Amino acid sequence: MKPRSGFAVTSLGLGILVIIFSVLAVLSVNYTETDTLWGIWIPATIVIAFLTVIFGAIGIGQTGKSSNHRGRGFAIAGLCLGIIEIGLFILIFFIITRPVY
């Protein structure tokens, strides 16, 4: 049996972690002052989302048809979670920072 790609598993794990961090970031906006928004949750979410995308892309490359690794579904799921999270972050960022008239 082929070994599972470490990058694929890491991508999926980070994708799940980035969803948890984004929920914590949204909760920190609702229950505390806006200054704490940039404290830990938003930077951590951004960094982990980009790492998720990078590791997912590497994992997909490692699990190609002529590869000795498996776990392509993990890599694709992690890549999708990372891309969705980056898109949500951009959307939420523009909603939060829009001027109020």
PDB file of N, CA and C in Angstrom:
ATOM      1  N   MET A   1       0.836  -1.178   0.000  1.00  0.00           N
ATOM      2  CA  MET A   1       0.000   0.000   0.000  1.00  0.00           C
ATOM      3  C   MET A   1       0.887   1.250   0.000  1.00  0.00           C
ATOM      4  N   LYS A   2       0.506   2.227  -0.801  1.00  0.00           N
ATOM      5  CA  LYS A   2       1.275   3.460  -0.900  1.00  0.00           C
ATOM      6  C   LYS A   2       1.118   4.293   0.368  1.00  0.00           C
ATOM      7  N   PRO A   3       2.160   4.994   0.764  1.00  0.00           N
ATOM      8  CA  PRO A   3       2.018   5.881   1.932  1.00  0.00           C
ATOM      9  C   PRO A   3       1.209   7.127   1.574  1.00  0.00           C
ATOM     10  N   ARG A   4       0.564   7.673   2.566  1.00  0.00           N
ATOM     11  CA  ARG A   4      -0.227   8.886   2.363  1.00  0.00           C
ATOM     12  C   ARG A   4       0.705  10.089   2.370  1.00  0.00           C
ATOM     13  N   SER A   5       0.431  11.058   1.520  1.00  0.00           N
ATOM     14  CA  SER A   5       1.243  12.273   1.426  1.00  0.00           C
ATOM     15  C   SER A   5       1.099  13.109   2.690  1.00  0.00           C
ATOM     16  N   GLY A   6       2.216  13.460   3.292  1.00  0.00           N
ATOM     17  CA  GLY A   6       2.195  14.298   4.484  1.00  0.00           C
ATOM     18  C   GLY A   6       1.674  15.692   4.198  1.00  0.00           C
ATOM     19  N   PHE A   7       1.980  16.213   3.016  1.00  0.00           N
ATOM     20  CA  PHE A   7       1.473  17.532   2.648  1.00  0.00           C
ATOM     21  C   PHE A   7      -0.046  17.518   2.495  1.00  0.00           C
ATOM     22  N   ALA A   8      -0.598  16.441   1.974  1.00  0.00           N
ATOM     23  CA  ALA A   8      -2.047  16.338   1.799  1.00  0.00           C
ATOM     24  C   ALA A   8      -2.750  16.305   3.157  1.00  0.00           C
ATOM     25  N   VAL A   9      -2.238  15.512   4.068  1.00  0.00           N
ATOM     26  CA  VAL A   9      -2.834  15.413   5.400  1.00  0.00           C
ATOM     27  C   VAL A   9      -2.697  16.743   6.142  1.00  0.00           C
ATOM     28  N   THR A  10      -1.529  17.369   6.029  1.00  0.00           N
ATOM     29  CA  THR A  10      -1.307  18.660   6.679  1.00  0.00           C
ATOM     30  C   THR A  10      -2.243  19.720   6.109  1.00  0.00           C
ATOM     31  N   SER A  11      -2.462  19.705   4.806  1.00  0.00           N
ATOM     32  CA  SER A  11      -3.364  20.670   4.183  1.00  0.00           C
ATOM     33  C   SER A  11      -4.777  20.527   4.721  1.00  0.00           C
ATOM     34  N   LEU A  12      -5.261  19.302   4.836  1.00  0.00           N
ATOM     35  CA  LEU A  12      -6.604  19.093   5.367  1.00  0.00           C
ATOM     36  C   LEU A  12      -6.679  19.507   6.835  1.00  0.00           C
ATOM     37  N   GLY A  13      -5.681  19.149   7.617  1.00  0.00           N
ATOM     38  CA  GLY A  13      -5.666  19.529   9.031  1.00  0.00           C
ATOM     39  C   GLY A  13      -5.643  21.043   9.216  1.00  0.00           C
ATOM     40  N   LEU A  14      -4.818  21.728   8.437  1.00  0.00           N
ATOM     41  CA  LEU A  14      -4.775  23.187   8.522  1.00  0.00           C
ATOM     42  C   LEU A  14      -6.063  23.813   8.005  1.00  0.00           C
ATOM     43  N   GLY A  15      -6.692  23.185   7.007  1.00  0.00           N
ATOM     44  CA  GLY A  15      -7.966  23.692   6.507  1.00  0.00           C
ATOM     45  C   GLY A  15      -9.046  23.650   7.575  1.00  0.00           C
ATOM     46  N   ILE A  16      -9.073  22.583   8.348  1.00  0.00           N
ATOM     47  CA  ILE A  16     -10.027  22.493   9.453  1.00  0.00           C
ATOM     48  C   ILE A  16      -9.678  23.508  10.536  1.00  0.00           C
ATOM     49  N   LEU A  17      -8.396  23.658  10.825  1.00  0.00           N
ATOM     50  CA  LEU A  17      -7.949  24.617  11.839  1.00  0.00           C
ATOM     51  C   LEU A  17      -8.271  26.049  11.434  1.00  0.00           C
ATOM     52  N   VAL A  18      -8.141  26.369  10.154  1.00  0.00           N
ATOM     53  CA  VAL A  18      -8.411  27.736   9.710  1.00  0.00           C
ATOM     54  C   VAL A  18      -9.897  28.067   9.823  1.00  0.00           C
ATOM     55  N   ILE A  19     -10.760  27.081   9.659  1.00  0.00           N
ATOM     56  CA  ILE A  19     -12.193  27.318   9.854  1.00  0.00           C
ATOM     57  C   ILE A  19     -12.471  27.632  11.325  1.00  0.00           C
ATOM     58  N   ILE A  20     -11.847  26.902  12.232  1.00  0.00           N
ATOM     59  CA  ILE A  20     -12.006  27.160  13.667  1.00  0.00           C
ATOM     60  C   ILE A  20     -11.489  28.553  14.011  1.00  0.00           C
ATOM     61  N   PHE A  21     -10.322  28.923  13.482  1.00  0.00           N
ATOM     62  CA  PHE A  21      -9.762  30.242  13.758  1.00  0.00           C
ATOM     63  C   PHE A  21     -10.653  31.351  13.211  1.00  0.00           C
ATOM     64  N   SER A  22     -11.264  31.133  12.051  1.00  0.00           N
ATOM     65  CA  SER A  22     -12.119  32.179  11.490  1.00  0.00           C
ATOM     66  C   SER A  22     -13.376  32.367  12.339  1.00  0.00           C
ATOM     67  N   VAL A  23     -13.905  31.283  12.887  1.00  0.00           N
ATOM     68  CA  VAL A  23     -15.050  31.402  13.792  1.00  0.00           C
ATOM     69  C   VAL A  23     -14.642  32.181  15.036  1.00  0.00           C
ATOM     70  N   LEU A  24     -13.475  31.908  15.581  1.00  0.00           N
ATOM     71  CA  LEU A  24     -12.998  32.650  16.745  1.00  0.00           C
ATOM     72  C   LEU A  24     -12.765  34.118  16.412  1.00  0.00           C
ATOM     73  N   ALA A  25     -12.314  34.407  15.204  1.00  0.00           N
ATOM     74  CA  ALA A  25     -12.120  35.800  14.788  1.00  0.00           C
ATOM     75  C   ALA A  25     -13.448  36.533  14.717  1.00  0.00           C
ATOM     76  N   VAL A  26     -14.470  35.873  14.169  1.00  0.00           N
ATOM     77  CA  VAL A  26     -15.788  36.503  14.090  1.00  0.00           C
ATOM     78  C   VAL A  26     -16.358  36.714  15.484  1.00  0.00           C
ATOM     79  N   LEU A  27     -16.168  35.754  16.372  1.00  0.00           N
ATOM     80  CA  LEU A  27     -16.660  35.912  17.740  1.00  0.00           C
ATOM     81  C   LEU A  27     -15.929  37.029  18.467  1.00  0.00           C
ATOM     82  N   SER A  28     -14.655  37.226  18.179  1.00  0.00           N
ATOM     83  CA  SER A  28     -13.917  38.303  18.837  1.00  0.00           C
ATOM     84  C   SER A  28     -14.403  39.657  18.359  1.00  0.00           C
ATOM     85  N   VAL A  29     -14.929  39.746  17.146  1.00  0.00           N
ATOM     86  CA  VAL A  29     -15.484  41.001  16.654  1.00  0.00           C
ATOM     87  C   VAL A  29     -16.807  41.290  17.351  1.00  0.00           C
ATOM     88  N   ASN A  30     -17.604  40.282  17.570  1.00  0.00           N
ATOM     89  CA  ASN A  30     -18.933  40.493  18.137  1.00  0.00           C
ATOM     90  C   ASN A  30     -18.910  40.803  19.628  1.00  0.00           C
ATOM     91  N   TYR A  31     -17.968  40.254  20.363  1.00  0.00           N
ATOM     92  CA  TYR A  31     -18.022  40.351  21.815  1.00  0.00           C
ATOM     93  C   TYR A  31     -16.941  41.209  22.436  1.00  0.00           C
ATOM     94  N   THR A  32     -16.035  41.731  21.665  1.00  0.00           N
ATOM     95  CA  THR A  32     -14.990  42.586  22.216  1.00  0.00           C
ATOM     96  C   THR A  32     -14.840  43.811  21.336  1.00  0.00           C
ATOM     97  N   GLU A  33     -13.906  44.664  21.705  1.00  0.00           N
ATOM     98  CA  GLU A  33     -13.666  45.859  20.908  1.00  0.00           C
ATOM     99  C   GLU A  33     -13.020  45.482  19.582  1.00  0.00           C
ATOM    100  N   THR A  34     -13.134  46.375  18.609  1.00  0.00           N
ATOM    101  CA  THR A  34     -12.599  46.110  17.275  1.00  0.00           C
ATOM    102  C   THR A  34     -11.081  46.026  17.282  1.00  0.00           C
ATOM    103  N   ASP A  35     -10.413  46.687  18.231  1.00  0.00           N
ATOM    104  CA  ASP A  35      -8.952  46.655  18.272  1.00  0.00           C
ATOM    105  C   ASP A  35      -8.415  45.250  18.477  1.00  0.00           C
ATOM    106  N   THR A  36      -9.138  44.401  19.189  1.00  0.00           N
ATOM    107  CA  THR A  36      -8.665  43.039  19.420  1.00  0.00           C
ATOM    108  C   THR A  36      -8.834  42.156  18.193  1.00  0.00           C
ATOM    109  N   LEU A  37      -9.569  42.659  17.195  1.00  0.00           N
ATOM    110  CA  LEU A  37      -9.741  41.899  15.958  1.00  0.00           C
ATOM    111  C   LEU A  37      -8.392  41.579  15.334  1.00  0.00           C
ATOM    112  N   TRP A  38      -7.468  42.515  15.391  1.00  0.00           N
ATOM    113  CA  TRP A  38      -6.154  42.325  14.772  1.00  0.00           C
ATOM    114  C   TRP A  38      -5.165  41.723  15.755  1.00  0.00           C
ATOM    115  N   GLY A  39      -5.641  41.341  16.942  1.00  0.00           N
ATOM    116  CA  GLY A  39      -4.757  40.782  17.948  1.00  0.00           C
ATOM    117  C   GLY A  39      -4.087  39.496  17.513  1.00  0.00           C
ATOM    118  N   ILE A  40      -4.810  38.397  17.560  1.00  0.00           N
ATOM    119  CA  ILE A  40      -4.213  37.105  17.232  1.00  0.00           C
ATOM    120  C   ILE A  40      -4.992  36.354  16.164  1.00  0.00           C
ATOM    121  N   TRP A  41      -6.311  36.434  16.156  1.00  0.00           N
ATOM    122  CA  TRP A  41      -7.102  35.541  15.310  1.00  0.00           C
ATOM    123  C   TRP A  41      -6.993  35.856  13.830  1.00  0.00           C
ATOM    124  N   ILE A  42      -7.063  37.124  13.455  1.00  0.00           N
ATOM    125  CA  ILE A  42      -7.013  37.468  12.039  1.00  0.00           C
ATOM    126  C   ILE A  42      -5.646  37.159  11.426  1.00  0.00           C
ATOM    127  N   PRO A  43      -4.526  37.589  12.034  1.00  0.00           N
ATOM    128  CA  PRO A  43      -3.230  37.224  11.423  1.00  0.00           C
ATOM    129  C   PRO A  43      -2.999  35.716  11.377  1.00  0.00           C
ATOM    130  N   ALA A  44      -3.399  35.023  12.426  1.00  0.00           N
ATOM    131  CA  ALA A  44      -3.225  33.569  12.437  1.00  0.00           C
ATOM    132  C   ALA A  44      -4.071  32.919  11.347  1.00  0.00           C
ATOM    133  N   THR A  45      -5.282  33.410  11.149  1.00  0.00           N
ATOM    134  CA  THR A  45      -6.158  32.863  10.114  1.00  0.00           C
ATOM    135  C   THR A  45      -5.576  33.086   8.730  1.00  0.00           C
ATOM    136  N   ILE A  46      -5.043  34.271   8.489  1.00  0.00           N
ATOM    137  CA  ILE A  46      -4.473  34.583   7.178  1.00  0.00           C
ATOM    138  C   ILE A  46      -3.281  33.680   6.885  1.00  0.00           C
ATOM    139  N   VAL A  47      -2.371  33.576   7.838  1.00  0.00           N
ATOM    140  CA  VAL A  47      -1.159  32.763   7.641  1.00  0.00           C
ATOM    141  C   VAL A  47      -1.526  31.301   7.426  1.00  0.00           C
ATOM    142  N   ILE A  48      -2.410  30.775   8.244  1.00  0.00           N
ATOM    143  CA  ILE A  48      -2.783  29.366   8.127  1.00  0.00           C
ATOM    144  C   ILE A  48      -3.538  29.107   6.824  1.00  0.00           C
ATOM    145  N   ALA A  49      -4.369  30.051   6.381  1.00  0.00           N
ATOM    146  CA  ALA A  49      -5.091  29.866   5.115  1.00  0.00           C
ATOM    147  C   ALA A  49      -4.117  29.784   3.945  1.00  0.00           C
ATOM    148  N   PHE A  50      -3.113  30.653   3.919  1.00  0.00           N
ATOM    149  CA  PHE A  50      -2.139  30.591   2.831  1.00  0.00           C
ATOM    150  C   PHE A  50      -1.287  29.321   2.903  1.00  0.00           C
ATOM    151  N   LEU A  51      -0.929  28.892   4.108  1.00  0.00           N
ATOM    152  CA  LEU A  51      -0.193  27.634   4.246  1.00  0.00           C
ATOM    153  C   LEU A  51      -1.040  26.451   3.790  1.00  0.00           C
ATOM    154  N   THR A  52      -2.338  26.512   4.066  1.00  0.00           N
ATOM    155  CA  THR A  52      -3.239  25.451   3.632  1.00  0.00           C
ATOM    156  C   THR A  52      -3.256  25.337   2.110  1.00  0.00           C
ATOM    157  N   VAL A  53      -3.322  26.466   1.435  1.00  0.00           N
ATOM    158  CA  VAL A  53      -3.332  26.467  -0.028  1.00  0.00           C
ATOM    159  C   VAL A  53      -1.998  25.944  -0.571  1.00  0.00           C
ATOM    160  N   ILE A  54      -0.902  26.391   0.006  1.00  0.00           N
ATOM    161  CA  ILE A  54       0.426  25.958  -0.461  1.00  0.00           C
ATOM    162  C   ILE A  54       0.602  24.451  -0.255  1.00  0.00           C
ATOM    163  N   PHE A  55       0.289  23.971   0.949  1.00  0.00           N
ATOM    164  CA  PHE A  55       0.447  22.544   1.222  1.00  0.00           C
ATOM    165  C   PHE A  55      -0.516  21.705   0.386  1.00  0.00           C
ATOM    166  N   GLY A  56      -1.725  22.226   0.133  1.00  0.00           N
ATOM    167  CA  GLY A  56      -2.673  21.506  -0.709  1.00  0.00           C
ATOM    168  C   GLY A  56      -2.168  21.371  -2.135  1.00  0.00           C
ATOM    169  N   ALA A  57      -1.580  22.442  -2.669  1.00  0.00           N
ATOM    170  CA  ALA A  57      -1.033  22.382  -4.028  1.00  0.00           C
ATOM    171  C   ALA A  57       0.136  21.407  -4.105  1.00  0.00           C
ATOM    172  N   ILE A  58       1.004  21.428  -3.114  1.00  0.00           N
ATOM    173  CA  ILE A  58       2.126  20.474  -3.090  1.00  0.00           C
ATOM    174  C   ILE A  58       1.603  19.052  -2.953  1.00  0.00           C
ATOM    175  N   GLY A  59       0.582  18.871  -2.098  1.00  0.00           N
ATOM    176  CA  GLY A  59      -0.007  17.544  -1.908  1.00  0.00           C
ATOM    177  C   GLY A  59      -0.631  17.002  -3.174  1.00  0.00           C
ATOM    178  N   ILE A  60      -1.300  17.865  -3.943  1.00  0.00           N
ATOM    179  CA  ILE A  60      -1.870  17.431  -5.220  1.00  0.00           C
ATOM    180  C   ILE A  60      -0.759  17.022  -6.174  1.00  0.00           C
ATOM    181  N   GLY A  61       0.328  17.769  -6.177  1.00  0.00           N
ATOM    182  CA  GLY A  61       1.456  17.411  -7.030  1.00  0.00           C
ATOM    183  C   GLY A  61       2.099  16.093  -6.621  1.00  0.00           C
ATOM    184  N   GLN A  62       2.151  15.837  -5.328  1.00  0.00           N
ATOM    185  CA  GLN A  62       2.749  14.586  -4.848  1.00  0.00           C
ATOM    186  C   GLN A  62       1.880  13.367  -5.110  1.00  0.00           C
ATOM    187  N   THR A  63       0.587  13.573  -5.249  1.00  0.00           N
ATOM    188  CA  THR A  63      -0.325  12.438  -5.389  1.00  0.00           C
ATOM    189  C   THR A  63      -0.825  12.272  -6.816  1.00  0.00           C
ATOM    190  N   GLY A  64      -0.011  12.627  -7.773  1.00  0.00           N
ATOM    191  CA  GLY A  64      -0.386  12.477  -9.177  1.00  0.00           C
ATOM    192  C   GLY A  64      -0.519  11.009  -9.568  1.00  0.00           C
ATOM    193  N   LYS A  65      -0.867  10.765 -10.829  1.00  0.00           N
ATOM    194  CA  LYS A  65      -1.106   9.393 -11.292  1.00  0.00           C
ATOM    195  C   LYS A  65       0.145   8.525 -11.242  1.00  0.00           C
ATOM    196  N   SER A  66       1.303   9.096 -11.515  1.00  0.00           N
ATOM    197  CA  SER A  66       2.535   8.311 -11.510  1.00  0.00           C
ATOM    198  C   SER A  66       3.298   8.488 -10.202  1.00  0.00           C
ATOM    199  N   SER A  67       2.573   8.725  -9.125  1.00  0.00           N
ATOM    200  CA  SER A  67       3.193   9.009  -7.841  1.00  0.00           C
ATOM    201  C   SER A  67       3.195   7.774  -6.938  1.00  0.00           C
ATOM    202  N   ASN A  68       4.035   7.838  -5.930  1.00  0.00           N
ATOM    203  CA  ASN A  68       4.085   6.768  -4.937  1.00  0.00           C
ATOM    204  C   ASN A  68       3.308   7.119  -3.677  1.00  0.00           C
ATOM    205  N   HIS A  69       2.510   8.187  -3.727  1.00  0.00           N
ATOM    206  CA  HIS A  69       1.740   8.625  -2.560  1.00  0.00           C
ATOM    207  C   HIS A  69       0.250   8.595  -2.876  1.00  0.00           C
ATOM    208  N   ARG A  70      -0.537   8.476  -1.826  1.00  0.00           N
ATOM    209  CA  ARG A  70      -1.983   8.597  -1.956  1.00  0.00           C
ATOM    210  C   ARG A  70      -2.448   9.732  -1.058  1.00  0.00           C
ATOM    211  N   GLY A  71      -3.728  10.068  -1.111  1.00  0.00           N
ATOM    212  CA  GLY A  71      -4.267  11.156  -0.302  1.00  0.00           C
ATOM    213  C   GLY A  71      -4.642  12.378  -1.123  1.00  0.00           C
ATOM    214  N   ARG A  72      -4.908  12.180  -2.399  1.00  0.00           N
ATOM    215  CA  ARG A  72      -5.255  13.297  -3.271  1.00  0.00           C
ATOM    216  C   ARG A  72      -6.531  14.001  -2.798  1.00  0.00           C
ATOM    217  N   GLY A  73      -7.494  13.254  -2.293  1.00  0.00           N
ATOM    218  CA  GLY A  73      -8.733  13.854  -1.786  1.00  0.00           C
ATOM    219  C   GLY A  73      -8.479  14.765  -0.603  1.00  0.00           C
ATOM    220  N   PHE A  74      -7.560  14.369   0.280  1.00  0.00           N
ATOM    221  CA  PHE A  74      -7.186  15.223   1.408  1.00  0.00           C
ATOM    222  C   PHE A  74      -6.599  16.532   0.911  1.00  0.00           C
ATOM    223  N   ALA A  75      -5.730  16.436  -0.084  1.00  0.00           N
ATOM    224  CA  ALA A  75      -5.077  17.634  -0.610  1.00  0.00           C
ATOM    225  C   ALA A  75      -6.093  18.557  -1.284  1.00  0.00           C
ATOM    226  N   ILE A  76      -7.009  17.994  -2.039  1.00  0.00           N
ATOM    227  CA  ILE A  76      -8.025  18.809  -2.717  1.00  0.00           C
ATOM    228  C   ILE A  76      -8.951  19.466  -1.685  1.00  0.00           C
ATOM    229  N   ALA A  77      -9.350  18.721  -0.670  1.00  0.00           N
ATOM    230  CA  ALA A  77     -10.222  19.280   0.371  1.00  0.00           C
ATOM    231  C   ALA A  77      -9.519  20.410   1.116  1.00  0.00           C
ATOM    232  N   GLY A  78      -8.252  20.218   1.460  1.00  0.00           N
ATOM    233  CA  GLY A  78      -7.499  21.270   2.134  1.00  0.00           C
ATOM    234  C   GLY A  78      -7.332  22.494   1.261  1.00  0.00           C
ATOM    235  N   LEU A  79      -7.037  22.272  -0.015  1.00  0.00           N
ATOM    236  CA  LEU A  79      -6.885  23.385  -0.947  1.00  0.00           C
ATOM    237  C   LEU A  79      -8.196  24.168  -1.062  1.00  0.00           C
ATOM    238  N   CYS A  80      -9.306  23.472  -1.172  1.00  0.00           N
ATOM    239  CA  CYS A  80     -10.609  24.141  -1.268  1.00  0.00           C
ATOM    240  C   CYS A  80     -10.926  24.928   0.003  1.00  0.00           C
ATOM    241  N   LEU A  81     -10.671  24.343   1.163  1.00  0.00           N
ATOM    242  CA  LEU A  81     -10.918  25.053   2.419  1.00  0.00           C
ATOM    243  C   LEU A  81     -10.070  26.315   2.520  1.00  0.00           C
ATOM    244  N   GLY A  82      -8.812  26.220   2.112  1.00  0.00           N
ATOM    245  CA  GLY A  82      -7.933  27.391   2.155  1.00  0.00           C
ATOM    246  C   GLY A  82      -8.392  28.490   1.216  1.00  0.00           C
ATOM    247  N   ILE A  83      -8.776  28.132  -0.002  1.00  0.00           N
ATOM    248  CA  ILE A  83      -9.231  29.129  -0.969  1.00  0.00           C
ATOM    249  C   ILE A  83     -10.543  29.768  -0.507  1.00  0.00           C
ATOM    250  N   ILE A  84     -11.451  28.963   0.015  1.00  0.00           N
ATOM    251  CA  ILE A  84     -12.721  29.502   0.530  1.00  0.00           C
ATOM    252  C   ILE A  84     -12.456  30.457   1.679  1.00  0.00           C
ATOM    253  N   GLU A  85     -11.546  30.097   2.569  1.00  0.00           N
ATOM    254  CA  GLU A  85     -11.260  30.948   3.716  1.00  0.00           C
ATOM    255  C   GLU A  85     -10.621  32.264   3.301  1.00  0.00           C
ATOM    256  N   ILE A  86      -9.729  32.234   2.330  1.00  0.00           N
ATOM    257  CA  ILE A  86      -9.119  33.480   1.849  1.00  0.00           C
ATOM    258  C   ILE A  86     -10.191  34.364   1.213  1.00  0.00           C
ATOM    259  N   GLY A  87     -11.082  33.771   0.435  1.00  0.00           N
ATOM    260  CA  GLY A  87     -12.177  34.536  -0.163  1.00  0.00           C
ATOM    261  C   GLY A  87     -13.108  35.127   0.891  1.00  0.00           C
ATOM    262  N   LEU A  88     -13.448  34.344   1.911  1.00  0.00           N
ATOM    263  CA  LEU A  88     -14.294  34.853   2.994  1.00  0.00           C
ATOM    264  C   LEU A  88     -13.607  35.963   3.762  1.00  0.00           C
ATOM    265  N   PHE A  89     -12.304  35.817   3.977  1.00  0.00           N
ATOM    266  CA  PHE A  89     -11.584  36.862   4.696  1.00  0.00           C
ATOM    267  C   PHE A  89     -11.619  38.173   3.921  1.00  0.00           C
ATOM    268  N   ILE A  90     -11.396  38.108   2.609  1.00  0.00           N
ATOM    269  CA  ILE A  90     -11.420  39.322   1.798  1.00  0.00           C
ATOM    270  C   ILE A  90     -12.818  39.951   1.844  1.00  0.00           C
ATOM    271  N   LEU A  91     -13.847  39.135   1.728  1.00  0.00           N
ATOM    272  CA  LEU A  91     -15.214  39.629   1.787  1.00  0.00           C
ATOM    273  C   LEU A  91     -15.518  40.270   3.138  1.00  0.00           C
ATOM    274  N   ILE A  92     -15.197  39.595   4.217  1.00  0.00           N
ATOM    275  CA  ILE A  92     -15.462  40.120   5.557  1.00  0.00           C
ATOM    276  C   ILE A  92     -14.641  41.371   5.816  1.00  0.00           C
ATOM    277  N   PHE A  93     -13.398  41.404   5.348  1.00  0.00           N
ATOM    278  CA  PHE A  93     -12.547  42.573   5.547  1.00  0.00           C
ATOM    279  C   PHE A  93     -13.178  43.805   4.910  1.00  0.00           C
ATOM    280  N   PHE A  94     -13.696  43.667   3.686  1.00  0.00           N
ATOM    281  CA  PHE A  94     -14.295  44.815   3.018  1.00  0.00           C
ATOM    282  C   PHE A  94     -15.637  45.200   3.631  1.00  0.00           C
ATOM    283  N   ILE A  95     -16.353  44.248   4.193  1.00  0.00           N
ATOM    284  CA  ILE A  95     -17.606  44.574   4.862  1.00  0.00           C
ATOM    285  C   ILE A  95     -17.324  45.336   6.162  1.00  0.00           C
ATOM    286  N   ILE A  96     -16.328  44.898   6.920  1.00  0.00           N
ATOM    287  CA  ILE A  96     -16.008  45.533   8.199  1.00  0.00           C
ATOM    288  C   ILE A  96     -15.432  46.929   7.998  1.00  0.00           C
ATOM    289  N   THR A  97     -14.582  47.087   6.981  1.00  0.00           N
ATOM    290  CA  THR A  97     -13.884  48.360   6.813  1.00  0.00           C
ATOM    291  C   THR A  97     -14.596  49.340   5.885  1.00  0.00           C
ATOM    292  N   ARG A  98     -15.789  49.010   5.424  1.00  0.00           N
ATOM    293  CA  ARG A  98     -16.494  49.951   4.543  1.00  0.00           C
ATOM    294  C   ARG A  98     -16.943  51.168   5.363  1.00  0.00           C
ATOM    295  N   PRO A  99     -16.951  52.315   4.728  1.00  0.00           N
ATOM    296  CA  PRO A  99     -17.377  53.522   5.452  1.00  0.00           C
ATOM    297  C   PRO A  99     -18.872  53.494   5.725  1.00  0.00           C
ATOM    298  N   VAL A 100     -19.238  53.978   6.882  1.00  0.00           N
ATOM    299  CA  VAL A 100     -20.645  54.033   7.279  1.00  0.00           C
ATOM    300  C   VAL A 100     -21.121  55.463   7.090  1.00  0.00           C
ATOM    301  N   TYR A 101     -22.171  55.641   6.339  1.00  0.00           N
ATOM    302  CA  TYR A 101     -22.697  56.996   6.067  1.00  0.00           C
ATOM    303  C   TYR A 101     -23.917  57.265   6.881  1.00  0.00           C
TER     304      TYR A 101
END
